[in-house]
PDB file of all heavy atoms in Angstrom:
ATOM      1  N   ALA A   1     -20.697  11.952  17.305  1.00  0.00           N
ATOM      2  CA  ALA A   1     -21.118  11.980  15.897  1.00  0.00           C
ATOM      3  C   ALA A   1     -20.054  12.658  15.043  1.00  0.00           C
ATOM      4  O   ALA A   1     -19.728  12.190  13.939  1.00  0.00           O
ATOM      5  CB  ALA A   1     -22.459  12.699  15.758  1.00  0.00           C
ATOM      6  N   GLN A   2     -19.491  13.756  15.555  1.00  0.00           N
ATOM      7  CA  GLN A   2     -18.446  14.450  14.802  1.00  0.00           C
ATOM      8  C   GLN A   2     -17.179  13.602  14.744  1.00  0.00           C
ATOM      9  O   GLN A   2     -16.503  13.546  13.719  1.00  0.00           O
ATOM     10  CB  GLN A   2     -18.151  15.818  15.435  1.00  0.00           C
ATOM     11  CG  GLN A   2     -17.250  16.701  14.599  1.00  0.00           C
ATOM     12  CD  GLN A   2     -17.887  17.083  13.267  1.00  0.00           C
ATOM     13  OE1 GLN A   2     -19.100  17.192  13.141  1.00  0.00           O
ATOM     14  NE2 GLN A   2     -17.064  17.284  12.264  1.00  0.00           N
ATOM     15  N   ALA A   3     -16.858  12.924  15.837  1.00  0.00           N
ATOM     16  CA  ALA A   3     -15.693  12.032  15.847  1.00  0.00           C
ATOM     17  C   ALA A   3     -15.881  10.914  14.823  1.00  0.00           C
ATOM     18  O   ALA A   3     -14.923  10.525  14.133  1.00  0.00           O
ATOM     19  CB  ALA A   3     -15.475  11.452  17.239  1.00  0.00           C
ATOM     20  N   ASP A   4     -17.099  10.411  14.700  1.00  0.00           N
ATOM     21  CA  ASP A   4     -17.374   9.383  13.689  1.00  0.00           C
ATOM     22  C   ASP A   4     -17.097   9.901  12.283  1.00  0.00           C
ATOM     23  O   ASP A   4     -16.593   9.172  11.428  1.00  0.00           O
ATOM     24  CB  ASP A   4     -18.822   8.894  13.787  1.00  0.00           C
ATOM     25  CG  ASP A   4     -19.052   7.977  14.977  1.00  0.00           C
ATOM     26  OD1 ASP A   4     -18.062   7.426  15.516  1.00  0.00           O
ATOM     27  OD2 ASP A   4     -20.224   7.810  15.361  1.00  0.00           O
ATOM     28  N   LYS A   5     -17.408  11.163  12.038  1.00  0.00           N
ATOM     29  CA  LYS A   5     -17.131  11.760  10.726  1.00  0.00           C
ATOM     30  C   LYS A   5     -15.627  11.820  10.475  1.00  0.00           C
ATOM     31  O   LYS A   5     -15.151  11.505   9.382  1.00  0.00           O
ATOM     32  CB  LYS A   5     -17.742  13.156  10.628  1.00  0.00           C
ATOM     33  CG  LYS A   5     -19.263  13.140  10.605  1.00  0.00           C
ATOM     34  CD  LYS A   5     -19.827  14.551  10.616  1.00  0.00           C
ATOM     35  CE  LYS A   5     -21.347  14.522  10.714  1.00  0.00           C
ATOM     36  NZ  LYS A   5     -21.921  15.865  10.810  1.00  0.00           N
ATOM     37  N   VAL A   6     -14.878  12.225  11.497  1.00  0.00           N
ATOM     38  CA  VAL A   6     -13.417  12.303  11.362  1.00  0.00           C
ATOM     39  C   VAL A   6     -12.844  10.904  11.136  1.00  0.00           C
ATOM     40  O   VAL A   6     -12.021  10.692  10.234  1.00  0.00           O
ATOM     41  CB  VAL A   6     -12.775  12.955  12.612  1.00  0.00           C
ATOM     42  CG1 VAL A   6     -11.252  12.882  12.545  1.00  0.00           C
ATOM     43  CG2 VAL A   6     -13.235  14.399  12.755  1.00  0.00           C
ATOM     44  N   LEU A   7     -13.292   9.942  11.925  1.00  0.00           N
ATOM     45  CA  LEU A   7     -12.786   8.577  11.798  1.00  0.00           C
ATOM     46  C   LEU A   7     -13.195   7.952  10.463  1.00  0.00           C
ATOM     47  O   LEU A   7     -12.432   7.171   9.883  1.00  0.00           O
ATOM     48  CB  LEU A   7     -13.283   7.726  12.968  1.00  0.00           C
ATOM     49  CG  LEU A   7     -12.724   8.129  14.333  1.00  0.00           C
ATOM     50  CD1 LEU A   7     -13.433   7.366  15.448  1.00  0.00           C
ATOM     51  CD2 LEU A   7     -11.226   7.912  14.388  1.00  0.00           C
ATOM     52  N   GLY A   8     -14.365   8.299   9.962  1.00  0.00           N
ATOM     53  CA  GLY A   8     -14.784   7.812   8.651  1.00  0.00           C
ATOM     54  C   GLY A   8     -13.873   8.318   7.546  1.00  0.00           C
ATOM     55  O   GLY A   8     -13.515   7.581   6.622  1.00  0.00           O
ATOM     56  N   LEU A   9     -13.473   9.580   7.658  1.00  0.00           N
ATOM     57  CA  LEU A   9     -12.546  10.142   6.670  1.00  0.00           C
ATOM     58  C   LEU A   9     -11.174   9.485   6.782  1.00  0.00           C
ATOM     59  O   LEU A   9     -10.511   9.236   5.769  1.00  0.00           O
ATOM     60  CB  LEU A   9     -12.441  11.658   6.841  1.00  0.00           C
ATOM     61  CG  LEU A   9     -13.699  12.415   6.408  1.00  0.00           C
ATOM     62  CD1 LEU A   9     -13.666  13.840   6.936  1.00  0.00           C
ATOM     63  CD2 LEU A   9     -13.828  12.399   4.895  1.00  0.00           C
ATOM     64  N   GLU A  10     -10.754   9.190   8.009  1.00  0.00           N
ATOM     65  CA  GLU A  10      -9.479   8.494   8.197  1.00  0.00           C
ATOM     66  C   GLU A  10      -9.539   7.111   7.543  1.00  0.00           C
ATOM     67  O   GLU A  10      -8.602   6.683   6.871  1.00  0.00           O
ATOM     68  CB  GLU A  10      -9.147   8.370   9.678  1.00  0.00           C
ATOM     69  CG  GLU A  10      -7.793   7.740   9.931  1.00  0.00           C
ATOM     70  CD  GLU A  10      -7.433   7.670  11.402  1.00  0.00           C
ATOM     71  OE1 GLU A  10      -8.279   7.955  12.256  1.00  0.00           O
ATOM     72  OE2 GLU A  10      -6.279   7.305  11.683  1.00  0.00           O
ATOM     73  N   ARG A  11     -10.670   6.430   7.708  1.00  0.00           N
ATOM     74  CA  ARG A  11     -10.865   5.128   7.067  1.00  0.00           C
ATOM     75  C   ARG A  11     -10.780   5.261   5.550  1.00  0.00           C
ATOM     76  O   ARG A  11     -10.146   4.465   4.873  1.00  0.00           O
ATOM     77  CB  ARG A  11     -12.226   4.540   7.470  1.00  0.00           C
ATOM     78  CG  ARG A  11     -12.529   3.211   6.816  1.00  0.00           C
ATOM     79  CD  ARG A  11     -14.044   2.949   6.805  1.00  0.00           C
ATOM     80  NE  ARG A  11     -14.389   1.878   5.916  1.00  0.00           N
ATOM     81  CZ  ARG A  11     -14.560   1.985   4.606  1.00  0.00           C
ATOM     82  NH1 ARG A  11     -14.396   3.129   3.999  1.00  0.00           N
ATOM     83  NH2 ARG A  11     -14.891   0.952   3.877  1.00  0.00           N
ATOM     84  N   ASP A  12     -11.433   6.291   5.013  1.00  0.00           N
ATOM     85  CA  ASP A  12     -11.410   6.512   3.568  1.00  0.00           C
ATOM     86  C   ASP A  12      -9.987   6.757   3.070  1.00  0.00           C
ATOM     87  O   ASP A  12      -9.611   6.295   1.987  1.00  0.00           O
ATOM     88  CB  ASP A  12     -12.298   7.696   3.191  1.00  0.00           C
ATOM     89  CG  ASP A  12     -13.787   7.422   3.416  1.00  0.00           C
ATOM     90  OD1 ASP A  12     -14.161   6.237   3.600  1.00  0.00           O
ATOM     91  OD2 ASP A  12     -14.565   8.398   3.412  1.00  0.00           O
ATOM     92  N   MET A  13      -9.194   7.474   3.870  1.00  0.00           N
ATOM     93  CA  MET A  13      -7.806   7.732   3.485  1.00  0.00           C
ATOM     94  C   MET A  13      -7.005   6.433   3.463  1.00  0.00           C
ATOM     95  O   MET A  13      -6.255   6.176   2.515  1.00  0.00           O
ATOM     96  CB  MET A  13      -7.163   8.731   4.460  1.00  0.00           C
ATOM     97  CG  MET A  13      -7.676  10.138   4.293  1.00  0.00           C
ATOM     98  SD  MET A  13      -6.977  11.286   5.497  1.00  0.00           S
ATOM     99  CE  MET A  13      -5.258  11.250   5.036  1.00  0.00           C
ATOM    100  N   LYS A  14      -7.178   5.617   4.480  1.00  0.00           N
ATOM    101  CA  LYS A  14      -6.446   4.347   4.531  1.00  0.00           C
ATOM    102  C   LYS A  14      -6.879   3.432   3.389  1.00  0.00           C
ATOM    103  O   LYS A  14      -6.053   2.738   2.791  1.00  0.00           O
ATOM    104  CB  LYS A  14      -6.655   3.670   5.884  1.00  0.00           C
ATOM    105  CG  LYS A  14      -5.936   4.387   7.001  1.00  0.00           C
ATOM    106  CD  LYS A  14      -6.155   3.728   8.333  1.00  0.00           C
ATOM    107  CE  LYS A  14      -5.394   4.482   9.411  1.00  0.00           C
ATOM    108  NZ  LYS A  14      -5.496   3.835  10.706  1.00  0.00           N
ATOM    109  N   ARG A  15      -8.152   3.447   3.068  1.00  0.00           N
ATOM    110  CA  ARG A  15      -8.655   2.636   1.954  1.00  0.00           C
ATOM    111  C   ARG A  15      -8.036   3.103   0.636  1.00  0.00           C
ATOM    112  O   ARG A  15      -7.649   2.295  -0.203  1.00  0.00           O
ATOM    113  CB  ARG A  15     -10.176   2.733   1.896  1.00  0.00           C
ATOM    114  CG  ARG A  15     -10.798   1.818   0.856  1.00  0.00           C
ATOM    115  CD  ARG A  15     -12.334   1.924   0.900  1.00  0.00           C
ATOM    116  NE  ARG A  15     -12.969   0.904   0.122  1.00  0.00           N
ATOM    117  CZ  ARG A  15     -13.101   0.947  -1.206  1.00  0.00           C
ATOM    118  NH1 ARG A  15     -12.628   1.967  -1.889  1.00  0.00           N
ATOM    119  NH2 ARG A  15     -13.705  -0.033  -1.850  1.00  0.00           N
ATOM    120  N   LYS A  16      -7.966   4.404   0.454  1.00  0.00           N
ATOM    121  CA  LYS A  16      -7.374   4.962  -0.768  1.00  0.00           C
ATOM    122  C   LYS A  16      -5.892   4.588  -0.855  1.00  0.00           C
ATOM    123  O   LYS A  16      -5.384   4.260  -1.925  1.00  0.00           O
ATOM    124  CB  LYS A  16      -7.573   6.479  -0.791  1.00  0.00           C
ATOM    125  CG  LYS A  16      -7.013   7.179  -2.007  1.00  0.00           C
ATOM    126  CD  LYS A  16      -7.487   6.636  -3.325  1.00  0.00           C
ATOM    127  CE  LYS A  16      -8.858   7.037  -3.700  1.00  0.00           C
ATOM    128  NZ  LYS A  16      -9.199   6.606  -5.093  1.00  0.00           N
ATOM    129  N   GLN A  17      -5.187   4.620   0.269  1.00  0.00           N
ATOM    130  CA  GLN A  17      -3.779   4.235   0.281  1.00  0.00           C
ATOM    131  C   GLN A  17      -3.617   2.761  -0.074  1.00  0.00           C
ATOM    132  O   GLN A  17      -2.737   2.395  -0.863  1.00  0.00           O
ATOM    133  CB  GLN A  17      -3.160   4.526   1.655  1.00  0.00           C
ATOM    134  CG  GLN A  17      -3.050   6.004   1.949  1.00  0.00           C
ATOM    135  CD  GLN A  17      -2.795   6.304   3.406  1.00  0.00           C
ATOM    136  OE1 GLN A  17      -2.989   5.469   4.277  1.00  0.00           O
ATOM    137  NE2 GLN A  17      -2.381   7.537   3.686  1.00  0.00           N
ATOM    138  N   LEU A  18      -4.482   1.919   0.477  1.00  0.00           N
ATOM    139  CA  LEU A  18      -4.423   0.499   0.157  1.00  0.00           C
ATOM    140  C   LEU A  18      -4.756   0.262  -1.312  1.00  0.00           C
ATOM    141  O   LEU A  18      -4.107  -0.551  -1.982  1.00  0.00           O
ATOM    142  CB  LEU A  18      -5.379  -0.293   1.062  1.00  0.00           C
ATOM    143  CG  LEU A  18      -5.405  -1.800   0.820  1.00  0.00           C
ATOM    144  CD1 LEU A  18      -4.029  -2.420   1.069  1.00  0.00           C
ATOM    145  CD2 LEU A  18      -6.445  -2.458   1.710  1.00  0.00           C
ATOM    146  N   GLN A  19      -5.725   0.987  -1.819  1.00  0.00           N
ATOM    147  CA  GLN A  19      -6.086   0.853  -3.228  1.00  0.00           C
ATOM    148  C   GLN A  19      -4.885   1.185  -4.122  1.00  0.00           C
ATOM    149  O   GLN A  19      -4.621   0.477  -5.106  1.00  0.00           O
ATOM    150  CB  GLN A  19      -7.252   1.785  -3.557  1.00  0.00           C
ATOM    151  CG  GLN A  19      -7.713   1.712  -5.003  1.00  0.00           C
ATOM    152  CD  GLN A  19      -8.832   2.699  -5.282  1.00  0.00           C
ATOM    153  OE1 GLN A  19      -8.811   3.825  -4.795  1.00  0.00           O
ATOM    154  NE2 GLN A  19      -9.801   2.264  -6.061  1.00  0.00           N
ATOM    155  N   LEU A  20      -4.157   2.224  -3.784  1.00  0.00           N
ATOM    156  CA  LEU A  20      -2.965   2.587  -4.548  1.00  0.00           C
ATOM    157  C   LEU A  20      -1.949   1.453  -4.530  1.00  0.00           C
ATOM    158  O   LEU A  20      -1.404   1.070  -5.575  1.00  0.00           O
ATOM    159  CB  LEU A  20      -2.335   3.869  -3.991  1.00  0.00           C
ATOM    160  CG  LEU A  20      -0.957   4.235  -4.549  1.00  0.00           C
ATOM    161  CD1 LEU A  20      -1.022   4.482  -6.053  1.00  0.00           C
ATOM    162  CD2 LEU A  20      -0.402   5.443  -3.809  1.00  0.00           C
ATOM    163  N   LEU A  21      -1.688   0.905  -3.356  1.00  0.00           N
ATOM    164  CA  LEU A  21      -0.702  -0.163  -3.243  1.00  0.00           C
ATOM    165  C   LEU A  21      -1.132  -1.416  -4.016  1.00  0.00           C
ATOM    166  O   LEU A  21      -0.298  -2.087  -4.631  1.00  0.00           O
ATOM    167  CB  LEU A  21      -0.451  -0.492  -1.773  1.00  0.00           C
ATOM    168  CG  LEU A  21       0.172   0.644  -0.961  1.00  0.00           C
ATOM    169  CD1 LEU A  21       0.262   0.253   0.508  1.00  0.00           C
ATOM    170  CD2 LEU A  21       1.518   1.056  -1.506  1.00  0.00           C
ATOM    171  N   VAL A  22      -2.412  -1.708  -4.020  1.00  0.00           N
ATOM    172  CA  VAL A  22      -2.917  -2.845  -4.789  1.00  0.00           C
ATOM    173  C   VAL A  22      -2.746  -2.588  -6.287  1.00  0.00           C
ATOM    174  O   VAL A  22      -2.323  -3.472  -7.041  1.00  0.00           O
ATOM    175  CB  VAL A  22      -4.395  -3.132  -4.437  1.00  0.00           C
ATOM    176  CG1 VAL A  22      -5.030  -4.098  -5.423  1.00  0.00           C
ATOM    177  CG2 VAL A  22      -4.500  -3.671  -3.012  1.00  0.00           C
ATOM    178  N   ARG A  23      -3.053  -1.383  -6.727  1.00  0.00           N
ATOM    179  CA  ARG A  23      -2.907  -1.051  -8.151  1.00  0.00           C
ATOM    180  C   ARG A  23      -1.447  -1.144  -8.590  1.00  0.00           C
ATOM    181  O   ARG A  23      -1.160  -1.598  -9.700  1.00  0.00           O
ATOM    182  CB  ARG A  23      -3.476   0.334  -8.437  1.00  0.00           C
ATOM    183  CG  ARG A  23      -4.985   0.339  -8.396  1.00  0.00           C
ATOM    184  CD  ARG A  23      -5.562   1.689  -8.686  1.00  0.00           C
ATOM    185  NE  ARG A  23      -7.018   1.605  -8.701  1.00  0.00           N
ATOM    186  CZ  ARG A  23      -7.815   2.640  -8.893  1.00  0.00           C
ATOM    187  NH1 ARG A  23      -7.305   3.851  -9.085  1.00  0.00           N
ATOM    188  NH2 ARG A  23      -9.121   2.477  -8.886  1.00  0.00           N
ATOM    189  N   ILE A  24      -0.558  -0.701  -7.719  1.00  0.00           N
ATOM    190  CA  ILE A  24       0.871  -0.801  -8.046  1.00  0.00           C
ATOM    191  C   ILE A  24       1.270  -2.266  -8.174  1.00  0.00           C
ATOM    192  O   ILE A  24       1.915  -2.661  -9.147  1.00  0.00           O
ATOM    193  CB  ILE A  24       1.730  -0.070  -6.996  1.00  0.00           C
ATOM    194  CG1 ILE A  24       1.538   1.444  -7.129  1.00  0.00           C
ATOM    195  CG2 ILE A  24       3.200  -0.454  -7.132  1.00  0.00           C
ATOM    196  CD1 ILE A  24       2.154   2.252  -6.016  1.00  0.00           C
ATOM    197  N   LYS A  25       0.876  -3.080  -7.213  1.00  0.00           N
ATOM    198  CA  LYS A  25       1.235  -4.499  -7.261  1.00  0.00           C
ATOM    199  C   LYS A  25       0.669  -5.152  -8.514  1.00  0.00           C
ATOM    200  O   LYS A  25       1.353  -5.934  -9.179  1.00  0.00           O
ATOM    201  CB  LYS A  25       0.735  -5.228  -6.014  1.00  0.00           C
ATOM    202  CG  LYS A  25       1.123  -6.707  -6.008  1.00  0.00           C
ATOM    203  CD  LYS A  25       0.747  -7.399  -4.730  1.00  0.00           C
ATOM    204  CE  LYS A  25       1.225  -8.851  -4.784  1.00  0.00           C
ATOM    205  NZ  LYS A  25       1.032  -9.533  -3.512  1.00  0.00           N
ATOM    206  N   ASN A  26      -0.568  -4.839  -8.844  1.00  0.00           N
ATOM    207  CA  ASN A  26      -1.201  -5.442 -10.011  1.00  0.00           C
ATOM    208  C   ASN A  26      -0.566  -5.006 -11.329  1.00  0.00           C
ATOM    209  O   ASN A  26      -0.698  -5.697 -12.337  1.00  0.00           O
ATOM    210  CB  ASN A  26      -2.705  -5.149 -10.023  1.00  0.00           C
ATOM    211  CG  ASN A  26      -3.446  -5.944  -8.985  1.00  0.00           C
ATOM    212  OD1 ASN A  26      -2.958  -6.949  -8.481  1.00  0.00           O
ATOM    213  ND2 ASN A  26      -4.649  -5.497  -8.651  1.00  0.00           N
ATOM    214  N   ALA A  27       0.123  -3.888 -11.320  1.00  0.00           N
ATOM    215  CA  ALA A  27       0.796  -3.415 -12.530  1.00  0.00           C
ATOM    216  C   ALA A  27       2.130  -4.131 -12.756  1.00  0.00           C
ATOM    217  O   ALA A  27       2.702  -4.053 -13.844  1.00  0.00           O
ATOM    218  CB  ALA A  27       1.026  -1.904 -12.450  1.00  0.00           C
ATOM    219  N   LEU A  28       2.625  -4.820 -11.727  1.00  0.00           N
ATOM    220  CA  LEU A  28       3.922  -5.486 -11.801  1.00  0.00           C
ATOM    221  C   LEU A  28       3.770  -6.961 -12.134  1.00  0.00           C
ATOM    222  O   LEU A  28       2.815  -7.607 -11.707  1.00  0.00           O
ATOM    223  CB  LEU A  28       4.653  -5.350 -10.460  1.00  0.00           C
ATOM    224  CG  LEU A  28       4.939  -3.927  -9.977  1.00  0.00           C
ATOM    225  CD1 LEU A  28       5.438  -3.947  -8.545  1.00  0.00           C
ATOM    226  CD2 LEU A  28       5.917  -3.235 -10.900  1.00  0.00           C
ATOM    227  N   THR A  29       4.752  -7.488 -12.850  1.00  0.00           N
ATOM    228  CA  THR A  29       4.777  -8.925 -13.103  1.00  0.00           C
ATOM    229  C   THR A  29       5.259  -9.643 -11.838  1.00  0.00           C
ATOM    230  O   THR A  29       5.816  -9.023 -10.927  1.00  0.00           O
ATOM    231  CB  THR A  29       5.728  -9.278 -14.258  1.00  0.00           C
ATOM    232  OG1 THR A  29       7.069  -8.963 -13.850  1.00  0.00           O
ATOM    233  CG2 THR A  29       5.375  -8.524 -15.539  1.00  0.00           C
ATOM    234  N   THR A  30       5.065 -10.947 -11.819  1.00  0.00           N
ATOM    235  CA  THR A  30       5.529 -11.748 -10.684  1.00  0.00           C
ATOM    236  C   THR A  30       7.038 -11.610 -10.518  1.00  0.00           C
ATOM    237  O   THR A  30       7.538 -11.488  -9.395  1.00  0.00           O
ATOM    238  CB  THR A  30       5.154 -13.231 -10.900  1.00  0.00           C
ATOM    239  OG1 THR A  30       3.737 -13.303 -11.071  1.00  0.00           O
ATOM    240  CG2 THR A  30       5.554 -14.082  -9.716  1.00  0.00           C
ATOM    241  N   GLU A  31       7.758 -11.614 -11.630  1.00  0.00           N
ATOM    242  CA  GLU A  31       9.220 -11.482 -11.573  1.00  0.00           C
ATOM    243  C   GLU A  31       9.629 -10.127 -11.018  1.00  0.00           C
ATOM    244  O   GLU A  31      10.580 -10.030 -10.230  1.00  0.00           O
ATOM    245  CB  GLU A  31       9.831 -11.684 -12.972  1.00  0.00           C
ATOM    246  CG  GLU A  31       9.671 -13.085 -13.527  1.00  0.00           C
ATOM    247  CD  GLU A  31       8.269 -13.372 -14.101  1.00  0.00           C
ATOM    248  OE1 GLU A  31       7.501 -12.411 -14.402  1.00  0.00           O
ATOM    249  OE2 GLU A  31       7.931 -14.557 -14.230  1.00  0.00           O
ATOM    250  N   GLN A  32       8.929  -9.074 -11.420  1.00  0.00           N
ATOM    251  CA  GLN A  32       9.241  -7.739 -10.907  1.00  0.00           C
ATOM    252  C   GLN A  32       8.956  -7.656  -9.405  1.00  0.00           C
ATOM    253  O   GLN A  32       9.720  -7.041  -8.661  1.00  0.00           O
ATOM    254  CB  GLN A  32       8.430  -6.680 -11.660  1.00  0.00           C
ATOM    255  CG  GLN A  32       8.896  -6.488 -13.092  1.00  0.00           C
ATOM    256  CD  GLN A  32       7.941  -5.639 -13.902  1.00  0.00           C
ATOM    257  OE1 GLN A  32       6.722  -5.687 -13.702  1.00  0.00           O
ATOM    258  NE2 GLN A  32       8.484  -4.863 -14.832  1.00  0.00           N
ATOM    259  N   GLN A  33       7.902  -8.289  -8.966  1.00  0.00           N
ATOM    260  CA  GLN A  33       7.585  -8.309  -7.540  1.00  0.00           C
ATOM    261  C   GLN A  33       8.679  -9.035  -6.757  1.00  0.00           C
ATOM    262  O   GLN A  33       9.101  -8.571  -5.693  1.00  0.00           O
ATOM    263  CB  GLN A  33       6.231  -8.981  -7.298  1.00  0.00           C
ATOM    264  CG  GLN A  33       5.066  -8.176  -7.830  1.00  0.00           C
ATOM    265  CD  GLN A  33       3.746  -8.893  -7.670  1.00  0.00           C
ATOM    266  OE1 GLN A  33       3.560  -9.667  -6.730  1.00  0.00           O
ATOM    267  NE2 GLN A  33       2.809  -8.643  -8.584  1.00  0.00           N
ATOM    268  N   ASP A  34       9.152 -10.148  -7.295  1.00  0.00           N
ATOM    269  CA  ASP A  34      10.242 -10.891  -6.642  1.00  0.00           C
ATOM    270  C   ASP A  34      11.492 -10.032  -6.560  1.00  0.00           C
ATOM    271  O   ASP A  34      12.165  -9.992  -5.525  1.00  0.00           O
ATOM    272  CB  ASP A  34      10.542 -12.187  -7.394  1.00  0.00           C
ATOM    273  CG  ASP A  34       9.439 -13.228  -7.244  1.00  0.00           C
ATOM    274  OD1 ASP A  34       8.625 -13.117  -6.297  1.00  0.00           O
ATOM    275  OD2 ASP A  34       9.381 -14.145  -8.090  1.00  0.00           O
ATOM    276  N   ARG A  35      11.807  -9.332  -7.647  1.00  0.00           N
ATOM    277  CA  ARG A  35      12.988  -8.448  -7.651  1.00  0.00           C
ATOM    278  C   ARG A  35      12.841  -7.344  -6.610  1.00  0.00           C
ATOM    279  O   ARG A  35      13.807  -7.001  -5.918  1.00  0.00           O
ATOM    280  CB  ARG A  35      13.203  -7.834  -9.031  1.00  0.00           C
ATOM    281  CG  ARG A  35      13.969  -8.744  -9.958  1.00  0.00           C
ATOM    282  CD  ARG A  35      14.340  -8.028 -11.234  1.00  0.00           C
ATOM    283  NE  ARG A  35      13.670  -8.748 -12.310  1.00  0.00           N
ATOM    284  CZ  ARG A  35      13.299  -8.255 -13.465  1.00  0.00           C
ATOM    285  NH1 ARG A  35      13.527  -6.988 -13.754  1.00  0.00           N
ATOM    286  NH2 ARG A  35      12.698  -8.994 -14.363  1.00  0.00           N
ATOM    287  N   LEU A  36      11.654  -6.785  -6.518  1.00  0.00           N
ATOM    288  CA  LEU A  36      11.415  -5.722  -5.536  1.00  0.00           C
ATOM    289  C   LEU A  36      11.591  -6.233  -4.110  1.00  0.00           C
ATOM    290  O   LEU A  36      12.171  -5.543  -3.275  1.00  0.00           O
ATOM    291  CB  LEU A  36      10.002  -5.162  -5.690  1.00  0.00           C
ATOM    292  CG  LEU A  36       9.867  -3.922  -6.545  1.00  0.00           C
ATOM    293  CD1 LEU A  36       8.409  -3.530  -6.675  1.00  0.00           C
ATOM    294  CD2 LEU A  36      10.672  -2.765  -5.989  1.00  0.00           C
ATOM    295  N   ARG A  37      11.105  -7.423  -3.839  1.00  0.00           N
ATOM    296  CA  ARG A  37      11.278  -7.990  -2.498  1.00  0.00           C
ATOM    297  C   ARG A  37      12.763  -8.134  -2.181  1.00  0.00           C
ATOM    298  O   ARG A  37      13.207  -7.826  -1.078  1.00  0.00           O
ATOM    299  CB  ARG A  37      10.577  -9.346  -2.397  1.00  0.00           C
ATOM    300  CG  ARG A  37       9.096  -9.247  -2.204  1.00  0.00           C
ATOM    301  CD  ARG A  37       8.450 -10.619  -1.965  1.00  0.00           C
ATOM    302  NE  ARG A  37       7.046 -10.540  -2.290  1.00  0.00           N
ATOM    303  CZ  ARG A  37       6.508 -10.835  -3.481  1.00  0.00           C
ATOM    304  NH1 ARG A  37       7.264 -11.284  -4.468  1.00  0.00           N
ATOM    305  NH2 ARG A  37       5.224 -10.705  -3.684  1.00  0.00           N
ATOM    306  N   ASN A  38      13.527  -8.612  -3.143  1.00  0.00           N
ATOM    307  CA  ASN A  38      14.971  -8.767  -2.944  1.00  0.00           C
ATOM    308  C   ASN A  38      15.654  -7.419  -2.759  1.00  0.00           C
ATOM    309  O   ASN A  38      16.512  -7.269  -1.886  1.00  0.00           O
ATOM    310  CB  ASN A  38      15.601  -9.526  -4.119  1.00  0.00           C
ATOM    311  CG  ASN A  38      15.189 -10.979  -4.144  1.00  0.00           C
ATOM    312  OD1 ASN A  38      14.873 -11.574  -3.119  1.00  0.00           O
ATOM    313  ND2 ASN A  38      15.172 -11.574  -5.332  1.00  0.00           N
ATOM    314  N   LEU A  39      15.286  -6.444  -3.569  1.00  0.00           N
ATOM    315  CA  LEU A  39      15.876  -5.109  -3.446  1.00  0.00           C
ATOM    316  C   LEU A  39      15.526  -4.488  -2.092  1.00  0.00           C
ATOM    317  O   LEU A  39      16.383  -3.884  -1.442  1.00  0.00           O
ATOM    318  CB  LEU A  39      15.378  -4.210  -4.583  1.00  0.00           C
ATOM    319  CG  LEU A  39      15.943  -4.511  -5.962  1.00  0.00           C
ATOM    320  CD1 LEU A  39      15.113  -3.814  -7.040  1.00  0.00           C
ATOM    321  CD2 LEU A  39      17.399  -4.087  -6.046  1.00  0.00           C
ATOM    322  N   ARG A  40      14.301  -4.647  -1.674  1.00  0.00           N
ATOM    323  CA  ARG A  40      13.871  -4.096  -0.383  1.00  0.00           C
ATOM    324  C   ARG A  40      14.646  -4.743   0.756  1.00  0.00           C
ATOM    325  O   ARG A  40      15.093  -4.073   1.681  1.00  0.00           O
ATOM    326  CB  ARG A  40      12.363  -4.311  -0.206  1.00  0.00           C
ATOM    327  CG  ARG A  40      11.833  -3.799   1.101  1.00  0.00           C
ATOM    328  CD  ARG A  40      10.328  -3.745   1.176  1.00  0.00           C
ATOM    329  NE  ARG A  40       9.690  -4.985   0.768  1.00  0.00           N
ATOM    330  CZ  ARG A  40       8.396  -5.081   0.480  1.00  0.00           C
ATOM    331  NH1 ARG A  40       7.611  -4.030   0.565  1.00  0.00           N
ATOM    332  NH2 ARG A  40       7.873  -6.236   0.123  1.00  0.00           N
ATOM    333  N   ALA A  41      14.829  -6.049   0.685  1.00  0.00           N
ATOM    334  CA  ALA A  41      15.576  -6.765   1.729  1.00  0.00           C
ATOM    335  C   ALA A  41      17.035  -6.310   1.753  1.00  0.00           C
ATOM    336  O   ALA A  41      17.614  -6.098   2.821  1.00  0.00           O
ATOM    337  CB  ALA A  41      15.484  -8.269   1.505  1.00  0.00           C
ATOM    338  N   ARG A  42      17.632  -6.155   0.583  1.00  0.00           N
ATOM    339  CA  ARG A  42      19.039  -5.721   0.514  1.00  0.00           C
ATOM    340  C   ARG A  42      19.229  -4.306   1.035  1.00  0.00           C
ATOM    341  O   ARG A  42      20.255  -3.990   1.617  1.00  0.00           O
ATOM    342  CB  ARG A  42      19.552  -5.797  -0.921  1.00  0.00           C
ATOM    343  CG  ARG A  42      20.151  -7.145  -1.238  1.00  0.00           C
ATOM    344  CD  ARG A  42      20.867  -7.128  -2.543  1.00  0.00           C
ATOM    345  NE  ARG A  42      19.876  -7.438  -3.573  1.00  0.00           N
ATOM    346  CZ  ARG A  42      19.969  -7.090  -4.838  1.00  0.00           C
ATOM    347  NH1 ARG A  42      20.998  -6.407  -5.260  1.00  0.00           N
ATOM    348  NH2 ARG A  42      19.041  -7.421  -5.689  1.00  0.00           N
ATOM    349  N   GLU A  43      18.237  -3.452   0.814  1.00  0.00           N
ATOM    350  CA  GLU A  43      18.340  -2.057   1.267  1.00  0.00           C
ATOM    351  C   GLU A  43      18.054  -1.929   2.762  1.00  0.00           C
ATOM    352  O   GLU A  43      18.207  -0.861   3.319  1.00  0.00           O
ATOM    353  CB  GLU A  43      17.361  -1.178   0.492  1.00  0.00           C
ATOM    354  CG  GLU A  43      17.764  -0.959  -0.932  1.00  0.00           C
ATOM    355  CD  GLU A  43      16.788  -0.070  -1.672  1.00  0.00           C
ATOM    356  OE1 GLU A  43      15.750   0.321  -1.106  1.00  0.00           O
ATOM    357  OE2 GLU A  43      17.075   0.257  -2.830  1.00  0.00           O
ATOM    358  N   GLY A  44      17.593  -3.006   3.366  1.00  0.00           N
ATOM    359  CA  GLY A  44      17.294  -2.950   4.787  1.00  0.00           C
ATOM    360  C   GLY A  44      16.003  -2.241   5.096  1.00  0.00           C
ATOM    361  O   GLY A  44      15.773  -1.811   6.211  1.00  0.00           O
ATOM    362  N   ASN A  45      15.121  -2.107   4.099  1.00  0.00           N
ATOM    363  CA  ASN A  45      13.830  -1.462   4.331  1.00  0.00           C
ATOM    364  C   ASN A  45      12.865  -2.393   5.040  1.00  0.00           C
ATOM    365  O   ASN A  45      11.765  -2.008   5.352  1.00  0.00           O
ATOM    366  CB  ASN A  45      13.195  -1.027   3.001  1.00  0.00           C
ATOM    367  CG  ASN A  45      13.866   0.199   2.439  1.00  0.00           C
ATOM    368  OD1 ASN A  45      14.613   0.862   3.115  1.00  0.00           O
ATOM    369  ND2 ASN A  45      13.609   0.479   1.184  1.00  0.00           N
ATOM    370  N   GLY A  46      13.289  -3.619   5.264  1.00  0.00           N
ATOM    371  CA  GLY A  46      12.416  -4.543   5.971  1.00  0.00           C
ATOM    372  C   GLY A  46      11.127  -4.739   5.228  1.00  0.00           C
ATOM    373  O   GLY A  46      11.100  -4.918   4.042  1.00  0.00           O
TER     374      GLY A  46
END
């Protein structure tokens, strides 16, 4: 039961992280997203 509480909080953290990434993407235009993909590829960030 206690492990479930810990794992639930871990889930909440991952959800919050995903929510942030979605909000960032939604704030960008399609062109900006394309530029970011190119910049990321050039920097070798995979």
